[in-house]
């Protein structure tokens, strides 16, 4: 097994106990009139409950390594065997991380307190509710349902090769990723930069052209007016003038409007110069 495969296996299972890892996404600071201590209580309840059920529970931001926290979050959202996401109070960071996990189409259990309304985008997915008050009797029921839901979701994902958490509800084409050699990647980036510079240069040139540049009739306007050998710029009203070359009038599909002038994609010779 390769080092990369080993790393993925380690993220799905705890290295020491070989228990599956359950990532946790939830608020950790004050929000919606709930202090940080409230979320600490929720964290302890969920962690203790799922630890007793045989999982290693940790926030997706946590890692055994010392590195950038965002790297931990993205990697754990992708690799953890199952993730529990608490969308209570609709914390922006939580919703963003939930979106990433759903985009990865990995097993996820969504929970929320009874004071939080459903969100339209993920409302099609089942949410497991719990009381914001954390009342004992209601939390006993919640903890039982949480264990059942996490186990069922995890088991389904590991036993069904066609498992899909979210994307099955939509017609989404599978994107195949292929490695791009460094030299081709660099060339492609340089080409994009060159194209962007050319477009910017063209817009700047067009914006600097004024009516005085068009004192001659349209039929005598030659190429490279905007300083580019592959472009011809003519006044917008020249398209309707009878002395405008037919080639110019019929090339409108290749042009673009800019500052009251048309820029034609290819140079067009004046009518009186055509052989």
C-alpha atoms as a PDB file:
ATOM      1  CA  UNK A   1       0.000   0.000   0.000  1.00  0.00           C
ATOM      2  CA  UNK A   2       1.378   3.449  -0.941  1.00  0.00           C
ATOM      3  CA  UNK A   3       2.170   6.191   1.555  1.00  0.00           C
ATOM      4  CA  UNK A   4      -0.791   8.206   0.252  1.00  0.00           C
ATOM      5  CA  UNK A   5      -3.154   5.264   0.713  1.00  0.00           C
ATOM      6  CA  UNK A   6      -1.819   4.731   4.216  1.00  0.00           C
ATOM      7  CA  UNK A   7      -2.455   8.380   5.034  1.00  0.00           C
ATOM      8  CA  UNK A   8      -6.051   8.142   3.797  1.00  0.00           C
ATOM      9  CA  UNK A   9      -6.613   5.010   5.872  1.00  0.00           C
ATOM     10  CA  UNK A  10      -5.173   6.707   8.947  1.00  0.00           C
ATOM     11  CA  UNK A  11      -7.561   9.631   8.536  1.00  0.00           C
ATOM     12  CA  UNK A  12     -10.552   7.291   8.369  1.00  0.00           C
ATOM     13  CA  UNK A  13      -9.414   5.221  11.346  1.00  0.00           C
ATOM     14  CA  UNK A  14      -7.535   6.182  14.475  1.00  0.00           C
ATOM     15  CA  UNK A  15      -3.939   4.974  14.146  1.00  0.00           C
ATOM     16  CA  UNK A  16      -3.733   3.593  17.682  1.00  0.00           C
ATOM     17  CA  UNK A  17      -7.159   2.033  18.207  1.00  0.00           C
ATOM     18  CA  UNK A  18      -8.166   1.429  14.565  1.00  0.00           C
ATOM     19  CA  UNK A  19     -11.573   2.865  15.357  1.00  0.00           C
ATOM     20  CA  UNK A  20     -13.341   4.903  12.653  1.00  0.00           C
ATOM     21  CA  UNK A  21     -12.890   8.656  12.912  1.00  0.00           C
ATOM     22  CA  UNK A  22     -16.009  10.793  13.215  1.00  0.00           C
ATOM     23  CA  UNK A  23     -15.268  14.396  12.317  1.00  0.00           C
ATOM     24  CA  UNK A  24     -17.288  17.126  13.982  1.00  0.00           C
ATOM     25  CA  UNK A  25     -18.285  20.463  12.464  1.00  0.00           C
ATOM     26  CA  UNK A  26     -20.021  22.883  14.835  1.00  0.00           C
ATOM     27  CA  UNK A  27     -19.972  26.404  16.301  1.00  0.00           C
ATOM     28  CA  UNK A  28     -17.325  26.938  18.965  1.00  0.00           C
ATOM     29  CA  UNK A  29     -17.738  30.639  19.782  1.00  0.00           C
ATOM     30  CA  UNK A  30     -20.628  32.849  20.824  1.00  0.00           C
ATOM     31  CA  UNK A  31     -23.419  33.111  18.278  1.00  0.00           C
ATOM     32  CA  UNK A  32     -27.197  33.641  18.361  1.00  0.00           C
ATOM     33  CA  UNK A  33     -27.092  34.517  22.088  1.00  0.00           C
ATOM     34  CA  UNK A  34     -25.392  31.209  22.879  1.00  0.00           C
ATOM     35  CA  UNK A  35     -22.037  31.666  24.662  1.00  0.00           C
ATOM     36  CA  UNK A  36     -18.968  29.591  23.894  1.00  0.00           C
ATOM     37  CA  UNK A  37     -19.663  27.544  27.032  1.00  0.00           C
ATOM     38  CA  UNK A  38     -22.941  26.339  25.492  1.00  0.00           C
ATOM     39  CA  UNK A  39     -21.127  24.911  22.489  1.00  0.00           C
ATOM     40  CA  UNK A  40     -18.560  23.339  24.773  1.00  0.00           C
ATOM     41  CA  UNK A  41     -21.423  21.469  26.439  1.00  0.00           C
ATOM     42  CA  UNK A  42     -22.773  20.336  23.057  1.00  0.00           C
ATOM     43  CA  UNK A  43     -19.290  19.232  22.007  1.00  0.00           C
ATOM     44  CA  UNK A  44     -18.855  17.155  25.166  1.00  0.00           C
ATOM     45  CA  UNK A  45     -22.274  15.518  24.799  1.00  0.00           C
ATOM     46  CA  UNK A  46     -21.700  14.530  21.164  1.00  0.00           C
ATOM     47  CA  UNK A  47     -18.092  13.451  21.771  1.00  0.00           C
ATOM     48  CA  UNK A  48     -18.899  11.293  24.802  1.00  0.00           C
ATOM     49  CA  UNK A  49     -21.909   9.732  23.087  1.00  0.00           C
ATOM     50  CA  UNK A  50     -20.091   8.707  19.908  1.00  0.00           C
ATOM     51  CA  UNK A  51     -16.903   7.707  21.724  1.00  0.00           C
ATOM     52  CA  UNK A  52     -18.939   5.218  23.714  1.00  0.00           C
ATOM     53  CA  UNK A  53     -20.384   3.990  20.413  1.00  0.00           C
ATOM     54  CA  UNK A  54     -16.900   3.094  19.140  1.00  0.00           C
ATOM     55  CA  UNK A  55     -15.803   6.205  17.242  1.00  0.00           C
ATOM     56  CA  UNK A  56     -12.881   8.558  17.621  1.00  0.00           C
ATOM     57  CA  UNK A  57     -14.519  11.981  17.649  1.00  0.00           C
ATOM     58  CA  UNK A  58     -12.658  15.192  16.938  1.00  0.00           C
ATOM     59  CA  UNK A  59     -13.276  18.559  15.355  1.00  0.00           C
ATOM     60  CA  UNK A  60     -12.270  18.607  11.694  1.00  0.00           C
ATOM     61  CA  UNK A  61      -9.931  21.486  12.525  1.00  0.00           C
ATOM     62  CA  UNK A  62      -7.932  19.222  14.859  1.00  0.00           C
ATOM     63  CA  UNK A  63      -4.903  17.233  13.750  1.00  0.00           C
ATOM     64  CA  UNK A  64      -1.994  15.326  15.258  1.00  0.00           C
ATOM     65  CA  UNK A  65       0.330  17.470  13.145  1.00  0.00           C
ATOM     66  CA  UNK A  66       1.244  21.119  13.639  1.00  0.00           C
ATOM     67  CA  UNK A  67       0.259  22.885  10.403  1.00  0.00           C
ATOM     68  CA  UNK A  68      -2.103  25.392   8.831  1.00  0.00           C
ATOM     69  CA  UNK A  69      -5.597  24.873  10.252  1.00  0.00           C
ATOM     70  CA  UNK A  70      -7.271  25.190   6.842  1.00  0.00           C
ATOM     71  CA  UNK A  71      -5.270  22.207   5.594  1.00  0.00           C
ATOM     72  CA  UNK A  72      -6.581  20.170   8.529  1.00  0.00           C
ATOM     73  CA  UNK A  73     -10.157  21.157   7.806  1.00  0.00           C
ATOM     74  CA  UNK A  74     -10.113  20.333   4.099  1.00  0.00           C
ATOM     75  CA  UNK A  75      -8.232  17.062   4.538  1.00  0.00           C
ATOM     76  CA  UNK A  76     -10.430  15.846   7.398  1.00  0.00           C
ATOM     77  CA  UNK A  77     -13.621  16.850   5.600  1.00  0.00           C
ATOM     78  CA  UNK A  78     -12.519  14.643   2.741  1.00  0.00           C
ATOM     79  CA  UNK A  79     -11.004  11.714   4.645  1.00  0.00           C
ATOM     80  CA  UNK A  80     -12.976  11.226   7.869  1.00  0.00           C
ATOM     81  CA  UNK A  81     -15.110   8.082   7.833  1.00  0.00           C
ATOM     82  CA  UNK A  82     -18.207  10.042   8.846  1.00  0.00           C
ATOM     83  CA  UNK A  83     -18.857  13.655   9.787  1.00  0.00           C
ATOM     84  CA  UNK A  84     -21.458  15.069  12.173  1.00  0.00           C
ATOM     85  CA  UNK A  85     -22.355  18.659  11.337  1.00  0.00           C
ATOM     86  CA  UNK A  86     -24.244  20.878  13.786  1.00  0.00           C
ATOM     87  CA  UNK A  87     -25.893  23.668  11.800  1.00  0.00           C
ATOM     88  CA  UNK A  88     -27.432  25.278  14.872  1.00  0.00           C
ATOM     89  CA  UNK A  89     -27.474  29.090  14.622  1.00  0.00           C
ATOM     90  CA  UNK A  90     -26.333  28.776  10.987  1.00  0.00           C
ATOM     91  CA  UNK A  91     -22.724  29.653  11.683  1.00  0.00           C
ATOM     92  CA  UNK A  92     -21.145  30.732   8.336  1.00  0.00           C
ATOM     93  CA  UNK A  93     -18.004  28.642   8.814  1.00  0.00           C
ATOM     94  CA  UNK A  94     -20.084  25.592   9.651  1.00  0.00           C
ATOM     95  CA  UNK A  95     -22.288  26.028   6.586  1.00  0.00           C
ATOM     96  CA  UNK A  96     -19.236  26.448   4.358  1.00  0.00           C
ATOM     97  CA  UNK A  97     -17.602  23.295   5.716  1.00  0.00           C
ATOM     98  CA  UNK A  98     -20.872  21.388   5.359  1.00  0.00           C
ATOM     99  CA  UNK A  99     -20.999  22.480   1.726  1.00  0.00           C
ATOM    100  CA  UNK A 100     -17.511  21.113   1.166  1.00  0.00           C
ATOM    101  CA  UNK A 101     -18.372  17.774   2.755  1.00  0.00           C
ATOM    102  CA  UNK A 102     -21.516  17.457   0.643  1.00  0.00           C
ATOM    103  CA  UNK A 103     -19.544  18.357  -2.472  1.00  0.00           C
ATOM    104  CA  UNK A 104     -17.181  15.496  -1.595  1.00  0.00           C
ATOM    105  CA  UNK A 105     -20.355  13.355  -1.392  1.00  0.00           C
ATOM    106  CA  UNK A 106     -19.147  11.663   1.797  1.00  0.00           C
ATOM    107  CA  UNK A 107     -21.311  10.259   4.666  1.00  0.00           C
ATOM    108  CA  UNK A 108     -22.635  13.095   6.804  1.00  0.00           C
ATOM    109  CA  UNK A 109     -25.115  13.396   9.665  1.00  0.00           C
ATOM    110  CA  UNK A 110     -26.673  16.822  10.165  1.00  0.00           C
ATOM    111  CA  UNK A 111     -27.947  17.901  13.586  1.00  0.00           C
ATOM    112  CA  UNK A 112     -29.483  21.171  14.776  1.00  0.00           C
ATOM    113  CA  UNK A 113     -31.143  22.631  17.829  1.00  0.00           C
ATOM    114  CA  UNK A 114     -34.868  23.284  17.963  1.00  0.00           C
ATOM    115  CA  UNK A 115     -34.401  27.069  17.741  1.00  0.00           C
ATOM    116  CA  UNK A 116     -32.757  26.969  14.325  1.00  0.00           C
ATOM    117  CA  UNK A 117     -34.850  27.003  11.163  1.00  0.00           C
ATOM    118  CA  UNK A 118     -34.070  24.742   8.237  1.00  0.00           C
ATOM    119  CA  UNK A 119     -31.858  26.066   5.452  1.00  0.00           C
ATOM    120  CA  UNK A 120     -33.293  25.823   1.944  1.00  0.00           C
ATOM    121  CA  UNK A 121     -30.181  24.420   0.256  1.00  0.00           C
ATOM    122  CA  UNK A 122     -29.815  21.432   2.591  1.00  0.00           C
ATOM    123  CA  UNK A 123     -33.421  21.135   3.678  1.00  0.00           C
ATOM    124  CA  UNK A 124     -33.835  18.004   1.536  1.00  0.00           C
ATOM    125  CA  UNK A 125     -31.490  16.165   3.898  1.00  0.00           C
ATOM    126  CA  UNK A 126     -32.680  14.769   7.206  1.00  0.00           C
ATOM    127  CA  UNK A 127     -31.730  16.811  10.280  1.00  0.00           C
ATOM    128  CA  UNK A 128     -31.583  15.273  13.745  1.00  0.00           C
ATOM    129  CA  UNK A 129     -32.948  17.855  16.222  1.00  0.00           C
ATOM    130  CA  UNK A 130     -31.997  18.409  19.840  1.00  0.00           C
ATOM    131  CA  UNK A 131     -33.221  20.981  22.410  1.00  0.00           C
ATOM    132  CA  UNK A 132     -31.159  24.130  22.723  1.00  0.00           C
ATOM    133  CA  UNK A 133     -31.900  23.994  26.427  1.00  0.00           C
ATOM    134  CA  UNK A 134     -30.055  20.623  26.534  1.00  0.00           C
ATOM    135  CA  UNK A 135     -32.718  19.280  28.911  1.00  0.00           C
ATOM    136  CA  UNK A 136     -31.698  15.891  30.228  1.00  0.00           C
ATOM    137  CA  UNK A 137     -34.660  13.727  29.203  1.00  0.00           C
ATOM    138  CA  UNK A 138     -34.737  15.115  25.671  1.00  0.00           C
ATOM    139  CA  UNK A 139     -30.989  14.753  25.321  1.00  0.00           C
ATOM    140  CA  UNK A 140     -31.196  11.085  26.330  1.00  0.00           C
ATOM    141  CA  UNK A 141     -33.470  10.494  23.347  1.00  0.00           C
ATOM    142  CA  UNK A 142     -31.244  12.589  21.077  1.00  0.00           C
ATOM    143  CA  UNK A 143     -28.082  10.689  22.009  1.00  0.00           C
ATOM    144  CA  UNK A 144     -29.739   7.348  21.260  1.00  0.00           C
ATOM    145  CA  UNK A 145     -30.942   8.573  17.858  1.00  0.00           C
ATOM    146  CA  UNK A 146     -27.541  10.114  17.108  1.00  0.00           C
ATOM    147  CA  UNK A 147     -25.720   6.813  17.619  1.00  0.00           C
ATOM    148  CA  UNK A 148     -28.229   4.965  15.454  1.00  0.00           C
ATOM    149  CA  UNK A 149     -28.008   7.562  12.693  1.00  0.00           C
ATOM    150  CA  UNK A 150     -24.197   7.734  12.643  1.00  0.00           C
ATOM    151  CA  UNK A 151     -23.819   3.954  12.599  1.00  0.00           C
ATOM    152  CA  UNK A 152     -26.420   3.482   9.889  1.00  0.00           C
ATOM    153  CA  UNK A 153     -24.860   6.193   7.719  1.00  0.00           C
ATOM    154  CA  UNK A 154     -21.340   4.854   8.199  1.00  0.00           C
ATOM    155  CA  UNK A 155     -22.369   1.249   7.547  1.00  0.00           C
ATOM    156  CA  UNK A 156     -24.253   2.211   4.397  1.00  0.00           C
ATOM    157  CA  UNK A 157     -21.282   4.140   3.040  1.00  0.00           C
ATOM    158  CA  UNK A 158     -18.846   1.288   3.642  1.00  0.00           C
ATOM    159  CA  UNK A 159     -21.073  -1.476   2.278  1.00  0.00           C
ATOM    160  CA  UNK A 160     -22.532   0.216  -0.811  1.00  0.00           C
ATOM    161  CA  UNK A 161     -20.044   0.977  -3.594  1.00  0.00           C
ATOM    162  CA  UNK A 162     -22.607   3.293  -5.202  1.00  0.00           C
ATOM    163  CA  UNK A 163     -23.246   5.249  -2.011  1.00  0.00           C
ATOM    164  CA  UNK A 164     -24.011   8.924  -2.507  1.00  0.00           C
ATOM    165  CA  UNK A 165     -24.801  11.300   0.318  1.00  0.00           C
ATOM    166  CA  UNK A 166     -25.974  14.292  -1.658  1.00  0.00           C
ATOM    167  CA  UNK A 167     -25.182  14.339  -5.362  1.00  0.00           C
ATOM    168  CA  UNK A 168     -27.554  11.463  -6.161  1.00  0.00           C
ATOM    169  CA  UNK A 169     -30.388  13.982  -5.883  1.00  0.00           C
ATOM    170  CA  UNK A 170     -29.035  15.868  -8.882  1.00  0.00           C
ATOM    171  CA  UNK A 171     -27.789  15.078 -12.369  1.00  0.00           C
ATOM    172  CA  UNK A 172     -24.114  15.733 -11.801  1.00  0.00           C
ATOM    173  CA  UNK A 173     -21.494  14.583 -14.257  1.00  0.00           C
ATOM    174  CA  UNK A 174     -18.502  12.859 -12.734  1.00  0.00           C
ATOM    175  CA  UNK A 175     -15.352  14.859 -13.285  1.00  0.00           C
ATOM    176  CA  UNK A 176     -12.267  12.845 -14.053  1.00  0.00           C
ATOM    177  CA  UNK A 177      -9.046  14.406 -12.836  1.00  0.00           C
ATOM    178  CA  UNK A 178      -5.851  13.787 -14.741  1.00  0.00           C
ATOM    179  CA  UNK A 179      -2.378  14.928 -13.704  1.00  0.00           C
ATOM    180  CA  UNK A 180      -0.993  17.777 -15.808  1.00  0.00           C
ATOM    181  CA  UNK A 181       2.771  17.749 -16.458  1.00  0.00           C
ATOM    182  CA  UNK A 182       4.504  20.796 -14.943  1.00  0.00           C
ATOM    183  CA  UNK A 183       5.680  22.106 -18.309  1.00  0.00           C
ATOM    184  CA  UNK A 184       2.163  21.996 -19.812  1.00  0.00           C
ATOM    185  CA  UNK A 185       0.699  23.600 -16.698  1.00  0.00           C
ATOM    186  CA  UNK A 186       3.189  26.475 -16.858  1.00  0.00           C
ATOM    187  CA  UNK A 187       2.548  26.977 -20.582  1.00  0.00           C
ATOM    188  CA  UNK A 188      -1.218  26.993 -20.052  1.00  0.00           C
ATOM    189  CA  UNK A 189      -0.886  29.579 -17.278  1.00  0.00           C
ATOM    190  CA  UNK A 190       1.357  31.763 -19.436  1.00  0.00           C
ATOM    191  CA  UNK A 191      -1.146  31.553 -22.297  1.00  0.00           C
ATOM    192  CA  UNK A 192      -3.984  32.615 -19.991  1.00  0.00           C
ATOM    193  CA  UNK A 193      -1.910  35.536 -18.725  1.00  0.00           C
ATOM    194  CA  UNK A 194      -1.050  36.560 -22.285  1.00  0.00           C
ATOM    195  CA  UNK A 195      -4.691  36.384 -23.365  1.00  0.00           C
ATOM    196  CA  UNK A 196      -5.736  38.477 -20.356  1.00  0.00           C
ATOM    197  CA  UNK A 197      -3.088  41.113 -21.106  1.00  0.00           C
ATOM    198  CA  UNK A 198      -4.178  41.283 -24.746  1.00  0.00           C
ATOM    199  CA  UNK A 199      -7.831  41.750 -23.784  1.00  0.00           C
ATOM    200  CA  UNK A 200      -6.924  44.461 -21.289  1.00  0.00           C
ATOM    201  CA  UNK A 201      -4.676  46.203 -23.813  1.00  0.00           C
ATOM    202  CA  UNK A 202      -7.452  46.108 -26.380  1.00  0.00           C
ATOM    203  CA  UNK A 203      -9.980  47.694 -24.008  1.00  0.00           C
ATOM    204  CA  UNK A 204      -7.520  50.433 -23.022  1.00  0.00           C
ATOM    205  CA  UNK A 205      -6.710  51.180 -26.669  1.00  0.00           C
ATOM    206  CA  UNK A 206     -10.357  51.385 -27.666  1.00  0.00           C
ATOM    207  CA  UNK A 207     -11.133  53.714 -24.772  1.00  0.00           C
ATOM    208  CA  UNK A 208      -8.406  56.099 -25.958  1.00  0.00           C
ATOM    209  CA  UNK A 209      -9.724  56.385 -29.530  1.00  0.00           C
ATOM    210  CA  UNK A 210     -11.821  59.506 -30.213  1.00  0.00           C
ATOM    211  CA  UNK A 211     -13.957  60.873 -33.046  1.00  0.00           C
ATOM    212  CA  UNK A 212     -10.976  62.824 -34.433  1.00  0.00           C
ATOM    213  CA  UNK A 213      -9.374  59.528 -35.403  1.00  0.00           C
ATOM    214  CA  UNK A 214     -12.203  58.930 -37.880  1.00  0.00           C
ATOM    215  CA  UNK A 215     -12.150  62.042 -40.060  1.00  0.00           C
ATOM    216  CA  UNK A 216     -12.020  59.906 -43.195  1.00  0.00           C
ATOM    217  CA  UNK A 217     -15.043  58.011 -44.522  1.00  0.00           C
ATOM    218  CA  UNK A 218     -15.462  54.515 -43.179  1.00  0.00           C
ATOM    219  CA  UNK A 219     -14.408  53.005 -46.504  1.00  0.00           C
ATOM    220  CA  UNK A 220     -10.907  54.507 -46.057  1.00  0.00           C
ATOM    221  CA  UNK A 221     -10.301  53.359 -42.517  1.00  0.00           C
ATOM    222  CA  UNK A 222      -7.440  50.882 -42.540  1.00  0.00           C
ATOM    223  CA  UNK A 223      -6.272  48.165 -40.131  1.00  0.00           C
ATOM    224  CA  UNK A 224      -4.390  48.616 -36.831  1.00  0.00           C
ATOM    225  CA  UNK A 225      -6.249  51.793 -35.792  1.00  0.00           C
ATOM    226  CA  UNK A 226      -6.100  50.694 -32.134  1.00  0.00           C
ATOM    227  CA  UNK A 227      -2.445  49.782 -32.320  1.00  0.00           C
ATOM    228  CA  UNK A 228      -3.016  46.064 -32.749  1.00  0.00           C
ATOM    229  CA  UNK A 229      -2.179  44.410 -36.096  1.00  0.00           C
ATOM    230  CA  UNK A 230      -5.096  41.974 -35.873  1.00  0.00           C
ATOM    231  CA  UNK A 231      -7.872  44.470 -35.125  1.00  0.00           C
ATOM    232  CA  UNK A 232      -9.696  47.225 -36.953  1.00  0.00           C
ATOM    233  CA  UNK A 233     -11.778  49.805 -35.094  1.00  0.00           C
ATOM    234  CA  UNK A 234     -14.511  51.806 -36.828  1.00  0.00           C
ATOM    235  CA  UNK A 235     -17.250  54.133 -35.543  1.00  0.00           C
ATOM    236  CA  UNK A 236     -20.479  52.423 -34.516  1.00  0.00           C
ATOM    237  CA  UNK A 237     -22.557  54.475 -36.983  1.00  0.00           C
ATOM    238  CA  UNK A 238     -20.346  53.418 -39.909  1.00  0.00           C
ATOM    239  CA  UNK A 239     -22.189  50.121 -40.062  1.00  0.00           C
ATOM    240  CA  UNK A 240     -25.242  51.832 -41.475  1.00  0.00           C
ATOM    241  CA  UNK A 241     -23.438  54.087 -43.952  1.00  0.00           C
ATOM    242  CA  UNK A 242     -23.715  53.156 -47.662  1.00  0.00           C
ATOM    243  CA  UNK A 243     -19.999  53.762 -48.286  1.00  0.00           C
ATOM    244  CA  UNK A 244     -18.972  51.258 -45.586  1.00  0.00           C
ATOM    245  CA  UNK A 245     -17.475  48.125 -47.189  1.00  0.00           C
ATOM    246  CA  UNK A 246     -19.826  45.167 -47.254  1.00  0.00           C
ATOM    247  CA  UNK A 247     -17.206  43.084 -45.438  1.00  0.00           C
ATOM    248  CA  UNK A 248     -17.339  45.482 -42.497  1.00  0.00           C
ATOM    249  CA  UNK A 249     -21.121  45.513 -42.334  1.00  0.00           C
ATOM    250  CA  UNK A 250     -21.327  41.716 -42.382  1.00  0.00           C
ATOM    251  CA  UNK A 251     -18.585  41.191 -39.800  1.00  0.00           C
ATOM    252  CA  UNK A 252     -20.688  42.367 -36.863  1.00  0.00           C
ATOM    253  CA  UNK A 253     -20.798  38.862 -35.375  1.00  0.00           C
ATOM    254  CA  UNK A 254     -17.015  38.995 -34.952  1.00  0.00           C
ATOM    255  CA  UNK A 255     -16.955  42.443 -33.345  1.00  0.00           C
ATOM    256  CA  UNK A 256     -17.636  43.861 -29.916  1.00  0.00           C
ATOM    257  CA  UNK A 257     -18.978  47.249 -28.816  1.00  0.00           C
ATOM    258  CA  UNK A 258     -16.537  49.436 -26.918  1.00  0.00           C
ATOM    259  CA  UNK A 259     -16.901  53.132 -26.156  1.00  0.00           C
ATOM    260  CA  UNK A 260     -19.128  53.823 -29.158  1.00  0.00           C
ATOM    261  CA  UNK A 261     -16.879  51.981 -31.611  1.00  0.00           C
ATOM    262  CA  UNK A 262     -16.792  48.479 -33.004  1.00  0.00           C
ATOM    263  CA  UNK A 263     -13.621  46.401 -32.857  1.00  0.00           C
ATOM    264  CA  UNK A 264     -13.589  43.842 -35.650  1.00  0.00           C
ATOM    265  CA  UNK A 265     -11.736  40.598 -34.990  1.00  0.00           C
ATOM    266  CA  UNK A 266      -9.760  40.616 -38.250  1.00  0.00           C
ATOM    267  CA  UNK A 267      -8.269  43.523 -40.251  1.00  0.00           C
ATOM    268  CA  UNK A 268     -10.426  44.527 -43.191  1.00  0.00           C
ATOM    269  CA  UNK A 269      -8.838  46.277 -46.165  1.00  0.00           C
ATOM    270  CA  UNK A 270     -10.509  49.474 -47.432  1.00  0.00           C
ATOM    271  CA  UNK A 271     -12.848  48.890 -50.336  1.00  0.00           C
ATOM    272  CA  UNK A 272     -10.818  51.003 -52.762  1.00  0.00           C
ATOM    273  CA  UNK A 273      -7.682  48.980 -52.016  1.00  0.00           C
ATOM    274  CA  UNK A 274      -9.206  45.610 -52.794  1.00  0.00           C
ATOM    275  CA  UNK A 275      -7.888  44.184 -55.994  1.00  0.00           C
END
